[in-house]
Amino acid sequence: ALKDGGRSLSTDSRTRRASSMLVAAEVTLTIVLMAGAGVLLRTFFDVYRADAGIDPTNVVAAQVNLPPATYGTPAAQIDFYSRLTTSLQRRGELESFGMATALPGWALAPRALEIDGRGDVDPQQRPVVGQVTIGGEYFRSLGVRVTGREFRDTDEADREPVVIINERFAREFFQGREAIGQRIRVYTRDVAGPWMRVIGVASNISQSRDLQQRSSVIYVPYPQQPIGGLWVIARAKRAPDARGLAIARHVGAIDPDVPLADGALPLAERLARNYQHRGVIAVLFTAFAAIALLLASVGLYGVMARAVSERTQEIGIRTA
């Protein structure tokens, strides 16, 4: 009986070790998943609380894309947005109004940079910056401070090209020297643009899905570099209940064939859409970690229950 019991105990011991190893693997996987979920959740909340460098209170944004067949020339594009600006500025409930080719939080296509007086640089070694074309009271609408001067109505296509840089650009490329008055230009598909005079330095606005990130950005006036597609940005004096419909009416009054791409929404909501996918991923990781924790707990309980049961039998055999 003792021999049979010894063989049984030897077999049970191997089974117990295998079960223990399986539970250990489950616990390890659970710890990894929970750690990953924790990191993702922390990253999500850090981004959620991050300051994009703007004040989105009472600000709405709508995208306008002019049909190329009707607005295929710079003159036609400038005329449309000039009329829209005049129409919206007449509304007493709007505090300010601006336009831009990209909203805060939107990534920008990199453009090679050249600074006047820095000598020849290998085209492959040129630094890159982002560019946003703006119009109206863009900076005021976003609550952004500008040192120097902002763009004026007189900054037209036949005047000296001008540019506003952000603080990150000034620190990165001028390193404490006076940036206002310097000349820069950017390249589009290896084609050099005109030399532009720096007239102002704006506080940093995030142009990345990671709202904590700040990159070098330049801003050019819309009349000097017109384009058909722009974001219309309006700041209301009070919470804009139906401000989006008001923008749509103004656009339709100028040309009923120009629709808003996806309506007008609060800018804060559009920013939230940028990092919404991170929240979904974090929730999925958390769910998987919770399931793994449950399975590991069940497995650990089963091994412990089996061990106790086997020890009870062993004690009985040895006592006999």
C-alpha atoms as a PDB file:
ATOM      1  CA  ALA A   1       0.000   0.000   0.000  1.00  0.00           C
ATOM      2  CA  LEU A   2       2.858   2.317   0.919  1.00  0.00           C
ATOM      3  CA  LYS A   3       4.569   1.516  -2.414  1.00  0.00           C
ATOM      4  CA  ASP A   4       1.401   2.253  -4.343  1.00  0.00           C
ATOM      5  CA  GLY A   5       0.961   5.404  -2.300  1.00  0.00           C
ATOM      6  CA  GLY A   6       4.564   6.437  -3.046  1.00  0.00           C
ATOM      7  CA  ARG A   7       4.087   5.960  -6.795  1.00  0.00           C
ATOM      8  CA  SER A   8       0.839   7.895  -6.611  1.00  0.00           C
ATOM      9  CA  LEU A   9       2.511  10.693  -4.682  1.00  0.00           C
ATOM     10  CA  SER A  10       5.356  10.822  -7.255  1.00  0.00           C
ATOM     11  CA  THR A  11       2.875  11.123 -10.110  1.00  0.00           C
ATOM     12  CA  ASP A  12       0.834  13.713  -8.239  1.00  0.00           C
ATOM     13  CA  SER A  13       4.014  15.667  -7.531  1.00  0.00           C
ATOM     14  CA  ARG A  14       4.814  15.928 -11.246  1.00  0.00           C
ATOM     15  CA  THR A  15       1.238  16.951 -11.985  1.00  0.00           C
ATOM     16  CA  ARG A  16       1.400  19.547  -9.225  1.00  0.00           C
ATOM     17  CA  ARG A  17       4.623  21.005 -10.598  1.00  0.00           C
ATOM     18  CA  ALA A  18       3.127  21.245 -14.099  1.00  0.00           C
ATOM     19  CA  SER A  19       0.016  22.957 -12.709  1.00  0.00           C
ATOM     20  CA  SER A  20       2.164  25.356 -10.689  1.00  0.00           C
ATOM     21  CA  MET A  21       4.192  26.263 -13.783  1.00  0.00           C
ATOM     22  CA  LEU A  22       0.986  26.898 -15.742  1.00  0.00           C
ATOM     23  CA  VAL A  23      -0.377  29.159 -13.001  1.00  0.00           C
ATOM     24  CA  ALA A  24       2.963  30.982 -12.788  1.00  0.00           C
ATOM     25  CA  ALA A  25       2.798  31.639 -16.550  1.00  0.00           C
ATOM     26  CA  GLU A  26      -0.769  32.919 -16.169  1.00  0.00           C
ATOM     27  CA  VAL A  27       0.246  35.238 -13.330  1.00  0.00           C
ATOM     28  CA  THR A  28       3.236  36.529 -15.345  1.00  0.00           C
ATOM     29  CA  LEU A  29       1.030  37.227 -18.362  1.00  0.00           C
ATOM     30  CA  THR A  30      -1.483  38.974 -16.119  1.00  0.00           C
ATOM     31  CA  ILE A  31       1.208  41.203 -14.636  1.00  0.00           C
ATOM     32  CA  VAL A  32       2.472  42.114 -18.121  1.00  0.00           C
ATOM     33  CA  LEU A  33      -1.049  42.945 -19.362  1.00  0.00           C
ATOM     34  CA  MET A  34      -1.865  44.971 -16.245  1.00  0.00           C
ATOM     35  CA  ALA A  35       1.395  46.890 -16.525  1.00  0.00           C
ATOM     36  CA  GLY A  36       0.713  47.614 -20.198  1.00  0.00           C
ATOM     37  CA  ALA A  37      -2.838  48.707 -19.436  1.00  0.00           C
ATOM     38  CA  GLY A  38      -1.567  50.978 -16.665  1.00  0.00           C
ATOM     39  CA  VAL A  39       0.968  52.626 -18.966  1.00  0.00           C
ATOM     40  CA  LEU A  40      -1.637  53.150 -21.703  1.00  0.00           C
ATOM     41  CA  LEU A  41      -4.180  54.574 -19.271  1.00  0.00           C
ATOM     42  CA  ARG A  42      -1.602  56.936 -17.809  1.00  0.00           C
ATOM     43  CA  THR A  43      -0.555  58.055 -21.293  1.00  0.00           C
ATOM     44  CA  PHE A  44      -4.189  58.583 -22.278  1.00  0.00           C
ATOM     45  CA  PHE A  45      -4.952  60.708 -19.219  1.00  0.00           C
ATOM     46  CA  ASP A  46      -1.703  62.674 -19.661  1.00  0.00           C
ATOM     47  CA  VAL A  47      -2.721  63.502 -23.227  1.00  0.00           C
ATOM     48  CA  TYR A  48      -6.293  64.232 -22.124  1.00  0.00           C
ATOM     49  CA  ARG A  49      -5.044  66.751 -19.547  1.00  0.00           C
ATOM     50  CA  ALA A  50      -2.343  68.162 -21.832  1.00  0.00           C
ATOM     51  CA  ASP A  51      -2.434  71.812 -22.810  1.00  0.00           C
ATOM     52  CA  ALA A  52      -2.485  72.260 -26.577  1.00  0.00           C
ATOM     53  CA  GLY A  53      -1.333  75.855 -26.161  1.00  0.00           C
ATOM     54  CA  ILE A  54      -4.739  77.340 -26.948  1.00  0.00           C
ATOM     55  CA  ASP A  55      -7.981  78.334 -25.232  1.00  0.00           C
ATOM     56  CA  PRO A  56     -10.808  76.394 -26.951  1.00  0.00           C
ATOM     57  CA  THR A  57     -13.568  77.940 -24.808  1.00  0.00           C
ATOM     58  CA  ASN A  58     -16.571  78.926 -26.969  1.00  0.00           C
ATOM     59  CA  VAL A  59     -14.636  78.139 -30.160  1.00  0.00           C
ATOM     60  CA  VAL A  60     -16.139  76.177 -33.047  1.00  0.00           C
ATOM     61  CA  ALA A  61     -14.443  74.980 -36.214  1.00  0.00           C
ATOM     62  CA  ALA A  62     -15.777  73.947 -39.605  1.00  0.00           C
ATOM     63  CA  GLN A  63     -13.951  72.802 -42.729  1.00  0.00           C
ATOM     64  CA  VAL A  64     -14.620  74.500 -46.053  1.00  0.00           C
ATOM     65  CA  ASN A  65     -13.404  72.998 -49.331  1.00  0.00           C
ATOM     66  CA  LEU A  66     -13.912  75.195 -52.364  1.00  0.00           C
ATOM     67  CA  PRO A  67     -14.788  73.317 -55.584  1.00  0.00           C
ATOM     68  CA  PRO A  68     -11.775  73.513 -57.931  1.00  0.00           C
ATOM     69  CA  ALA A  69     -14.029  73.975 -60.950  1.00  0.00           C
ATOM     70  CA  THR A  70     -15.372  77.251 -59.560  1.00  0.00           C
ATOM     71  CA  TYR A  71     -12.466  78.390 -57.402  1.00  0.00           C
ATOM     72  CA  GLY A  72      -9.472  77.208 -59.352  1.00  0.00           C
ATOM     73  CA  THR A  73      -7.558  80.478 -59.225  1.00  0.00           C
ATOM     74  CA  PRO A  74      -5.950  82.241 -56.241  1.00  0.00           C
ATOM     75  CA  ALA A  75      -7.982  85.369 -56.984  1.00  0.00           C
ATOM     76  CA  ALA A  76     -11.292  83.460 -56.749  1.00  0.00           C
ATOM     77  CA  GLN A  77     -10.215  81.747 -53.511  1.00  0.00           C
ATOM     78  CA  ILE A  78      -9.118  85.015 -51.907  1.00  0.00           C
ATOM     79  CA  ASP A  79     -12.369  86.694 -52.950  1.00  0.00           C
ATOM     80  CA  PHE A  80     -14.535  83.960 -51.384  1.00  0.00           C
ATOM     81  CA  TYR A  81     -12.766  83.957 -48.030  1.00  0.00           C
ATOM     82  CA  SER A  82     -12.631  87.754 -47.985  1.00  0.00           C
ATOM     83  CA  ARG A  83     -16.405  87.900 -48.377  1.00  0.00           C
ATOM     84  CA  LEU A  84     -16.871  85.204 -45.735  1.00  0.00           C
ATOM     85  CA  THR A  85     -14.641  87.111 -43.312  1.00  0.00           C
ATOM     86  CA  THR A  86     -16.576  90.325 -43.866  1.00  0.00           C
ATOM     87  CA  SER A  87     -19.901  88.524 -43.394  1.00  0.00           C
ATOM     88  CA  LEU A  88     -18.902  86.780 -40.153  1.00  0.00           C
ATOM     89  CA  GLN A  89     -17.238  89.856 -38.652  1.00  0.00           C
ATOM     90  CA  ARG A  90     -20.607  91.631 -38.796  1.00  0.00           C
ATOM     91  CA  ARG A  91     -22.112  89.194 -36.308  1.00  0.00           C
ATOM     92  CA  GLY A  92     -22.206  90.810 -32.892  1.00  0.00           C
ATOM     93  CA  GLU A  93     -22.160  87.507 -31.007  1.00  0.00           C
ATOM     94  CA  LEU A  94     -18.769  86.541 -32.468  1.00  0.00           C
ATOM     95  CA  GLU A  95     -15.725  87.805 -30.603  1.00  0.00           C
ATOM     96  CA  SER A  96     -13.246  86.908 -33.349  1.00  0.00           C
ATOM     97  CA  PHE A  97     -12.916  84.845 -36.493  1.00  0.00           C
ATOM     98  CA  GLY A  98      -9.964  83.208 -38.252  1.00  0.00           C
ATOM     99  CA  MET A  99      -8.976  80.581 -40.802  1.00  0.00           C
ATOM    100  CA  ALA A 100      -6.221  77.979 -41.079  1.00  0.00           C
ATOM    101  CA  THR A 101      -5.134  75.057 -43.214  1.00  0.00           C
ATOM    102  CA  ALA A 102      -4.764  72.882 -40.088  1.00  0.00           C
ATOM    103  CA  LEU A 103      -6.285  72.834 -36.626  1.00  0.00           C
ATOM    104  CA  PRO A 104      -4.244  72.548 -33.423  1.00  0.00           C
ATOM    105  CA  GLY A 105      -3.439  68.903 -32.769  1.00  0.00           C
ATOM    106  CA  TRP A 106      -3.255  68.141 -36.494  1.00  0.00           C
ATOM    107  CA  ALA A 107       0.088  66.898 -37.827  1.00  0.00           C
ATOM    108  CA  LEU A 108       1.785  69.021 -40.492  1.00  0.00           C
ATOM    109  CA  ALA A 109       3.699  67.927 -43.566  1.00  0.00           C
ATOM    110  CA  PRO A 110       7.429  68.634 -43.047  1.00  0.00           C
ATOM    111  CA  ARG A 111       9.047  71.303 -45.192  1.00  0.00           C
ATOM    112  CA  ALA A 112      12.755  71.824 -45.650  1.00  0.00           C
ATOM    113  CA  LEU A 113      13.961  75.125 -44.167  1.00  0.00           C
ATOM    114  CA  GLU A 114      16.648  77.589 -45.223  1.00  0.00           C
ATOM    115  CA  ILE A 115      17.707  80.627 -43.198  1.00  0.00           C
ATOM    116  CA  ASP A 116      19.196  83.615 -44.975  1.00  0.00           C
ATOM    117  CA  GLY A 117      22.871  84.182 -44.226  1.00  0.00           C
ATOM    118  CA  ARG A 118      23.585  80.664 -42.964  1.00  0.00           C
ATOM    119  CA  GLY A 119      25.536  79.614 -46.056  1.00  0.00           C
ATOM    120  CA  ASP A 120      24.993  76.671 -48.362  1.00  0.00           C
ATOM    121  CA  VAL A 121      23.530  73.556 -46.783  1.00  0.00           C
ATOM    122  CA  ASP A 122      23.345  70.076 -48.266  1.00  0.00           C
ATOM    123  CA  PRO A 123      19.726  69.693 -49.427  1.00  0.00           C
ATOM    124  CA  GLN A 124      19.562  66.334 -47.641  1.00  0.00           C
ATOM    125  CA  GLN A 125      20.678  67.958 -44.372  1.00  0.00           C
ATOM    126  CA  ARG A 126      18.213  70.847 -44.261  1.00  0.00           C
ATOM    127  CA  PRO A 127      16.110  70.998 -41.076  1.00  0.00           C
ATOM    128  CA  VAL A 128      12.353  70.621 -41.444  1.00  0.00           C
ATOM    129  CA  VAL A 129       9.462  72.637 -40.022  1.00  0.00           C
ATOM    130  CA  GLY A 130       5.674  72.604 -40.263  1.00  0.00           C
ATOM    131  CA  GLN A 131       3.686  75.314 -42.043  1.00  0.00           C
ATOM    132  CA  VAL A 132       0.171  76.621 -41.438  1.00  0.00           C
ATOM    133  CA  THR A 133      -1.498  79.149 -43.730  1.00  0.00           C
ATOM    134  CA  ILE A 134      -3.777  81.403 -41.700  1.00  0.00           C
ATOM    135  CA  GLY A 135      -6.153  84.310 -42.171  1.00  0.00           C
ATOM    136  CA  GLY A 136      -8.368  86.653 -40.199  1.00  0.00           C
ATOM    137  CA  GLU A 137      -7.831  86.816 -36.438  1.00  0.00           C
ATOM    138  CA  TYR A 138      -6.461  83.307 -36.135  1.00  0.00           C
ATOM    139  CA  PHE A 139      -4.268  83.867 -33.080  1.00  0.00           C
ATOM    140  CA  ARG A 140      -6.860  85.922 -31.230  1.00  0.00           C
ATOM    141  CA  SER A 141      -9.524  83.297 -31.887  1.00  0.00           C
ATOM    142  CA  LEU A 142      -7.330  80.657 -30.225  1.00  0.00           C
ATOM    143  CA  GLY A 143      -6.132  82.878 -27.391  1.00  0.00           C
ATOM    144  CA  VAL A 144      -2.513  82.773 -28.560  1.00  0.00           C
ATOM    145  CA  ARG A 145      -0.009  85.499 -27.698  1.00  0.00           C
ATOM    146  CA  VAL A 146       2.142  87.027 -30.460  1.00  0.00           C
ATOM    147  CA  THR A 147       5.279  89.101 -29.900  1.00  0.00           C
ATOM    148  CA  GLY A 148       5.971  91.583 -32.676  1.00  0.00           C
ATOM    149  CA  ARG A 149       3.073  92.138 -35.050  1.00  0.00           C
ATOM    150  CA  GLU A 150       0.391  89.938 -36.537  1.00  0.00           C
ATOM    151  CA  PHE A 151      -0.630  89.832 -40.175  1.00  0.00           C
ATOM    152  CA  ARG A 152      -2.507  92.805 -41.600  1.00  0.00           C
ATOM    153  CA  ASP A 153      -4.877  93.260 -44.487  1.00  0.00           C
ATOM    154  CA  THR A 154      -2.022  94.973 -46.317  1.00  0.00           C
ATOM    155  CA  ASP A 155       0.059  91.748 -46.334  1.00  0.00           C
ATOM    156  CA  GLU A 156      -1.089  90.912 -49.843  1.00  0.00           C
ATOM    157  CA  ALA A 157       0.468  88.954 -52.675  1.00  0.00           C
ATOM    158  CA  ASP A 158       2.209  91.995 -54.166  1.00  0.00           C
ATOM    159  CA  ARG A 159       3.866  92.976 -50.870  1.00  0.00           C
ATOM    160  CA  GLU A 160       6.985  91.593 -49.225  1.00  0.00           C
ATOM    161  CA  PRO A 161       6.348  87.994 -48.097  1.00  0.00           C
ATOM    162  CA  VAL A 162       6.084  87.833 -44.328  1.00  0.00           C
ATOM    163  CA  VAL A 163       5.977  85.021 -41.781  1.00  0.00           C
ATOM    164  CA  ILE A 164       5.302  84.454 -38.090  1.00  0.00           C
ATOM    165  CA  ILE A 165       7.280  81.758 -36.311  1.00  0.00           C
ATOM    166  CA  ASN A 166       6.547  80.020 -33.019  1.00  0.00           C
ATOM    167  CA  GLU A 167       8.680  80.159 -29.879  1.00  0.00           C
ATOM    168  CA  ARG A 168      10.055  76.666 -30.437  1.00  0.00           C
ATOM    169  CA  PHE A 169      11.309  77.753 -33.875  1.00  0.00           C
ATOM    170  CA  ALA A 170      12.964  80.846 -32.395  1.00  0.00           C
ATOM    171  CA  ARG A 171      14.761  78.811 -29.713  1.00  0.00           C
ATOM    172  CA  GLU A 172      15.818  76.047 -32.093  1.00  0.00           C
ATOM    173  CA  PHE A 173      17.143  78.124 -34.967  1.00  0.00           C
ATOM    174  CA  PHE A 174      18.018  81.550 -33.529  1.00  0.00           C
ATOM    175  CA  GLN A 175      19.140  80.428 -30.053  1.00  0.00           C
ATOM    176  CA  GLY A 176      18.534  83.630 -28.135  1.00  0.00           C
ATOM    177  CA  ARG A 177      19.232  86.031 -30.999  1.00  0.00           C
ATOM    178  CA  GLU A 178      16.570  88.407 -32.275  1.00  0.00           C
ATOM    179  CA  ALA A 179      14.350  86.481 -34.683  1.00  0.00           C
ATOM    180  CA  ILE A 180      12.180  89.364 -35.884  1.00  0.00           C
ATOM    181  CA  GLY A 181      13.624  90.836 -39.041  1.00  0.00           C
ATOM    182  CA  GLN A 182      15.372  87.654 -40.160  1.00  0.00           C
ATOM    183  CA  ARG A 183      14.542  86.030 -43.494  1.00  0.00           C
ATOM    184  CA  ILE A 184      13.668  82.395 -44.093  1.00  0.00           C
ATOM    185  CA  ARG A 185      12.201  80.254 -46.846  1.00  0.00           C
ATOM    186  CA  VAL A 186      10.867  76.728 -47.157  1.00  0.00           C
ATOM    187  CA  TYR A 187      10.956  74.151 -49.914  1.00  0.00           C
ATOM    188  CA  THR A 188       8.015  72.305 -51.420  1.00  0.00           C
ATOM    189  CA  ARG A 189       9.105  69.183 -53.324  1.00  0.00           C
ATOM    190  CA  ASP A 190      12.639  70.614 -53.615  1.00  0.00           C
ATOM    191  CA  VAL A 191      11.289  73.870 -55.067  1.00  0.00           C
ATOM    192  CA  ALA A 192      12.368  76.918 -53.057  1.00  0.00           C
ATOM    193  CA  GLY A 193       9.662  79.317 -51.955  1.00  0.00           C
ATOM    194  CA  PRO A 194      10.128  83.084 -51.660  1.00  0.00           C
ATOM    195  CA  TRP A 195      12.231  84.643 -48.920  1.00  0.00           C
ATOM    196  CA  MET A 196       9.923  85.671 -46.065  1.00  0.00           C
ATOM    197  CA  ARG A 197      10.568  88.303 -43.415  1.00  0.00           C
ATOM    198  CA  VAL A 198       9.907  87.253 -39.810  1.00  0.00           C
ATOM    199  CA  ILE A 199       7.536  89.812 -38.274  1.00  0.00           C
ATOM    200  CA  GLY A 200       6.357  88.042 -35.121  1.00  0.00           C
ATOM    201  CA  VAL A 201       6.835  85.162 -32.703  1.00  0.00           C
ATOM    202  CA  ALA A 202       3.748  83.257 -31.489  1.00  0.00           C
ATOM    203  CA  SER A 203       3.488  81.108 -28.392  1.00  0.00           C
ATOM    204  CA  ASN A 204       3.652  77.383 -29.087  1.00  0.00           C
ATOM    205  CA  ILE A 205       0.600  75.513 -30.368  1.00  0.00           C
ATOM    206  CA  SER A 206       0.703  71.736 -30.503  1.00  0.00           C
ATOM    207  CA  GLN A 207       0.593  70.414 -34.067  1.00  0.00           C
ATOM    208  CA  SER A 208       0.698  66.739 -33.201  1.00  0.00           C
ATOM    209  CA  ARG A 209      -1.671  64.017 -32.003  1.00  0.00           C
ATOM    210  CA  ASP A 210       0.467  64.068 -28.877  1.00  0.00           C
ATOM    211  CA  LEU A 211      -0.685  67.399 -27.430  1.00  0.00           C
ATOM    212  CA  GLN A 212       2.363  67.489 -25.151  1.00  0.00           C
ATOM    213  CA  GLN A 213       4.693  67.690 -28.130  1.00  0.00           C
ATOM    214  CA  ARG A 214       5.869  71.043 -29.483  1.00  0.00           C
ATOM    215  CA  SER A 215       7.557  71.379 -32.870  1.00  0.00           C
ATOM    216  CA  SER A 216       8.887  74.261 -34.946  1.00  0.00           C
ATOM    217  CA  VAL A 217       6.076  75.858 -36.966  1.00  0.00           C
ATOM    218  CA  ILE A 218       5.782  78.838 -39.289  1.00  0.00           C
ATOM    219  CA  TYR A 219       2.600  80.753 -40.146  1.00  0.00           C
ATOM    220  CA  VAL A 220       2.078  82.489 -43.480  1.00  0.00           C
ATOM    221  CA  PRO A 221      -0.733  84.906 -44.456  1.00  0.00           C
ATOM    222  CA  TYR A 222      -3.494  83.490 -46.597  1.00  0.00           C
ATOM    223  CA  PRO A 223      -3.457  86.262 -49.257  1.00  0.00           C
ATOM    224  CA  GLN A 224       0.196  85.479 -50.016  1.00  0.00           C
ATOM    225  CA  GLN A 225      -0.297  81.703 -50.213  1.00  0.00           C
ATOM    226  CA  PRO A 226      -3.995  81.053 -50.953  1.00  0.00           C
ATOM    227  CA  ILE A 227      -5.516  77.581 -50.996  1.00  0.00           C
ATOM    228  CA  GLY A 228      -9.016  76.221 -51.551  1.00  0.00           C
ATOM    229  CA  GLY A 229      -9.458  74.206 -48.356  1.00  0.00           C
ATOM    230  CA  LEU A 230      -9.458  75.960 -44.975  1.00  0.00           C
ATOM    231  CA  TRP A 231     -10.750  75.490 -41.458  1.00  0.00           C
ATOM    232  CA  VAL A 232     -13.053  78.282 -40.346  1.00  0.00           C
ATOM    233  CA  ILE A 233     -12.505  79.087 -36.651  1.00  0.00           C
ATOM    234  CA  ALA A 234     -14.916  81.316 -34.731  1.00  0.00           C
ATOM    235  CA  ARG A 235     -14.879  82.356 -31.063  1.00  0.00           C
ATOM    236  CA  ALA A 236     -18.266  83.332 -29.648  1.00  0.00           C
ATOM    237  CA  LYS A 237     -18.828  85.712 -26.752  1.00  0.00           C
ATOM    238  CA  ARG A 238     -21.041  83.081 -25.131  1.00  0.00           C
ATOM    239  CA  ALA A 239     -21.426  79.325 -25.412  1.00  0.00           C
ATOM    240  CA  PRO A 240     -22.179  78.726 -29.121  1.00  0.00           C
ATOM    241  CA  ASP A 241     -25.460  76.781 -29.075  1.00  0.00           C
ATOM    242  CA  ALA A 242     -26.099  76.766 -32.817  1.00  0.00           C
ATOM    243  CA  ARG A 243     -23.049  78.625 -34.027  1.00  0.00           C
ATOM    244  CA  GLY A 244     -22.252  75.887 -36.511  1.00  0.00           C
ATOM    245  CA  LEU A 245     -25.530  76.489 -38.308  1.00  0.00           C
ATOM    246  CA  ALA A 246     -24.704  80.199 -38.435  1.00  0.00           C
ATOM    247  CA  ILE A 247     -21.396  79.484 -40.171  1.00  0.00           C
ATOM    248  CA  ALA A 248     -23.169  77.196 -42.635  1.00  0.00           C
ATOM    249  CA  ARG A 249     -25.695  79.925 -43.420  1.00  0.00           C
ATOM    250  CA  HIS A 250     -22.954  82.446 -44.105  1.00  0.00           C
ATOM    251  CA  VAL A 251     -21.107  80.054 -46.392  1.00  0.00           C
ATOM    252  CA  GLY A 252     -24.349  79.182 -48.183  1.00  0.00           C
ATOM    253  CA  ALA A 253     -25.253  82.846 -48.601  1.00  0.00           C
ATOM    254  CA  ILE A 254     -22.003  83.426 -50.504  1.00  0.00           C
ATOM    255  CA  ASP A 255     -22.195  80.241 -52.569  1.00  0.00           C
ATOM    256  CA  PRO A 256     -24.806  77.501 -51.918  1.00  0.00           C
ATOM    257  CA  ASP A 257     -22.617  74.993 -53.786  1.00  0.00           C
ATOM    258  CA  VAL A 258     -19.906  75.164 -51.096  1.00  0.00           C
ATOM    259  CA  PRO A 259     -20.887  72.817 -48.229  1.00  0.00           C
ATOM    260  CA  LEU A 260     -19.187  72.401 -44.874  1.00  0.00           C
ATOM    261  CA  ALA A 261     -17.236  69.132 -44.924  1.00  0.00           C
ATOM    262  CA  ASP A 262     -18.669  67.680 -41.678  1.00  0.00           C
ATOM    263  CA  GLY A 263     -20.507  70.566 -40.082  1.00  0.00           C
ATOM    264  CA  ALA A 264     -19.265  72.880 -37.348  1.00  0.00           C
ATOM    265  CA  LEU A 265     -18.255  71.367 -34.024  1.00  0.00           C
ATOM    266  CA  PRO A 266     -16.694  72.748 -30.836  1.00  0.00           C
ATOM    267  CA  LEU A 267     -12.931  72.850 -31.179  1.00  0.00           C
ATOM    268  CA  ALA A 268     -12.515  70.982 -27.886  1.00  0.00           C
ATOM    269  CA  GLU A 269     -14.535  68.098 -29.348  1.00  0.00           C
ATOM    270  CA  ARG A 270     -12.384  67.986 -32.468  1.00  0.00           C
ATOM    271  CA  LEU A 271      -9.254  67.885 -30.313  1.00  0.00           C
ATOM    272  CA  ALA A 272     -10.733  65.024 -28.281  1.00  0.00           C
ATOM    273  CA  ARG A 273     -11.233  63.007 -31.466  1.00  0.00           C
ATOM    274  CA  ASN A 274      -7.463  63.056 -32.006  1.00  0.00           C
ATOM    275  CA  TYR A 275      -6.684  60.956 -28.946  1.00  0.00           C
ATOM    276  CA  GLN A 276      -9.970  59.013 -28.743  1.00  0.00           C
ATOM    277  CA  HIS A 277      -8.311  55.935 -30.286  1.00  0.00           C
ATOM    278  CA  ARG A 278      -5.816  55.836 -27.408  1.00  0.00           C
ATOM    279  CA  GLY A 279      -8.659  55.580 -24.934  1.00  0.00           C
ATOM    280  CA  VAL A 280     -10.176  52.653 -26.852  1.00  0.00           C
ATOM    281  CA  ILE A 281      -6.839  50.806 -26.871  1.00  0.00           C
ATOM    282  CA  ALA A 282      -6.355  51.484 -23.149  1.00  0.00           C
ATOM    283  CA  VAL A 283      -9.840  50.141 -22.354  1.00  0.00           C
ATOM    284  CA  LEU A 284      -9.188  46.984 -24.415  1.00  0.00           C
ATOM    285  CA  PHE A 285      -5.879  46.356 -22.640  1.00  0.00           C
ATOM    286  CA  THR A 286      -7.566  46.866 -19.278  1.00  0.00           C
ATOM    287  CA  ALA A 287     -10.330  44.406 -20.212  1.00  0.00           C
ATOM    288  CA  PHE A 288      -7.792  41.772 -21.316  1.00  0.00           C
ATOM    289  CA  ALA A 289      -5.804  42.318 -18.115  1.00  0.00           C
ATOM    290  CA  ALA A 290      -8.955  41.872 -15.998  1.00  0.00           C
ATOM    291  CA  ILE A 291      -9.830  38.640 -17.827  1.00  0.00           C
ATOM    292  CA  ALA A 292      -6.273  37.348 -17.403  1.00  0.00           C
ATOM    293  CA  LEU A 293      -6.374  38.228 -13.696  1.00  0.00           C
ATOM    294  CA  LEU A 294      -9.632  36.317 -13.292  1.00  0.00           C
ATOM    295  CA  LEU A 295      -8.240  33.259 -15.100  1.00  0.00           C
ATOM    296  CA  ALA A 296      -5.032  33.370 -13.072  1.00  0.00           C
ATOM    297  CA  SER A 297      -7.020  33.632  -9.843  1.00  0.00           C
ATOM    298  CA  VAL A 298      -9.175  30.633 -10.795  1.00  0.00           C
ATOM    299  CA  GLY A 299      -6.084  28.645 -11.771  1.00  0.00           C
ATOM    300  CA  LEU A 300      -4.262  29.543  -8.546  1.00  0.00           C
ATOM    301  CA  TYR A 301      -7.295  28.571  -6.486  1.00  0.00           C
ATOM    302  CA  GLY A 302      -7.542  25.230  -8.298  1.00  0.00           C
ATOM    303  CA  VAL A 303      -3.870  24.401  -7.707  1.00  0.00           C
ATOM    304  CA  MET A 304      -4.082  25.331  -4.031  1.00  0.00           C
ATOM    305  CA  ALA A 305      -7.290  23.316  -3.565  1.00  0.00           C
ATOM    306  CA  ARG A 306      -5.702  20.290  -5.244  1.00  0.00           C
ATOM    307  CA  ALA A 307      -2.554  20.642  -3.124  1.00  0.00           C
ATOM    308  CA  VAL A 308      -4.581  20.735   0.080  1.00  0.00           C
ATOM    309  CA  SER A 309      -6.586  17.687  -1.030  1.00  0.00           C
ATOM    310  CA  GLU A 310      -3.418  15.746  -1.885  1.00  0.00           C
ATOM    311  CA  ARG A 311      -1.736  16.670   1.395  1.00  0.00           C
ATOM    312  CA  THR A 312      -4.781  15.412   3.289  1.00  0.00           C
ATOM    313  CA  GLN A 313      -4.476  12.010   1.592  1.00  0.00           C
ATOM    314  CA  GLU A 314      -0.716  11.906   2.178  1.00  0.00           C
ATOM    315  CA  ILE A 315      -1.117  12.668   5.874  1.00  0.00           C
ATOM    316  CA  GLY A 316      -3.704   9.921   6.151  1.00  0.00           C
ATOM    317  CA  ILE A 317      -1.387   7.378   4.491  1.00  0.00           C
ATOM    318  CA  ARG A 318       1.616   8.290   6.680  1.00  0.00           C
ATOM    319  CA  THR A 319      -0.512   8.176   9.816  1.00  0.00           C
ATOM    320  CA  ALA A 320      -1.687   4.689   8.919  1.00  0.00           C
END
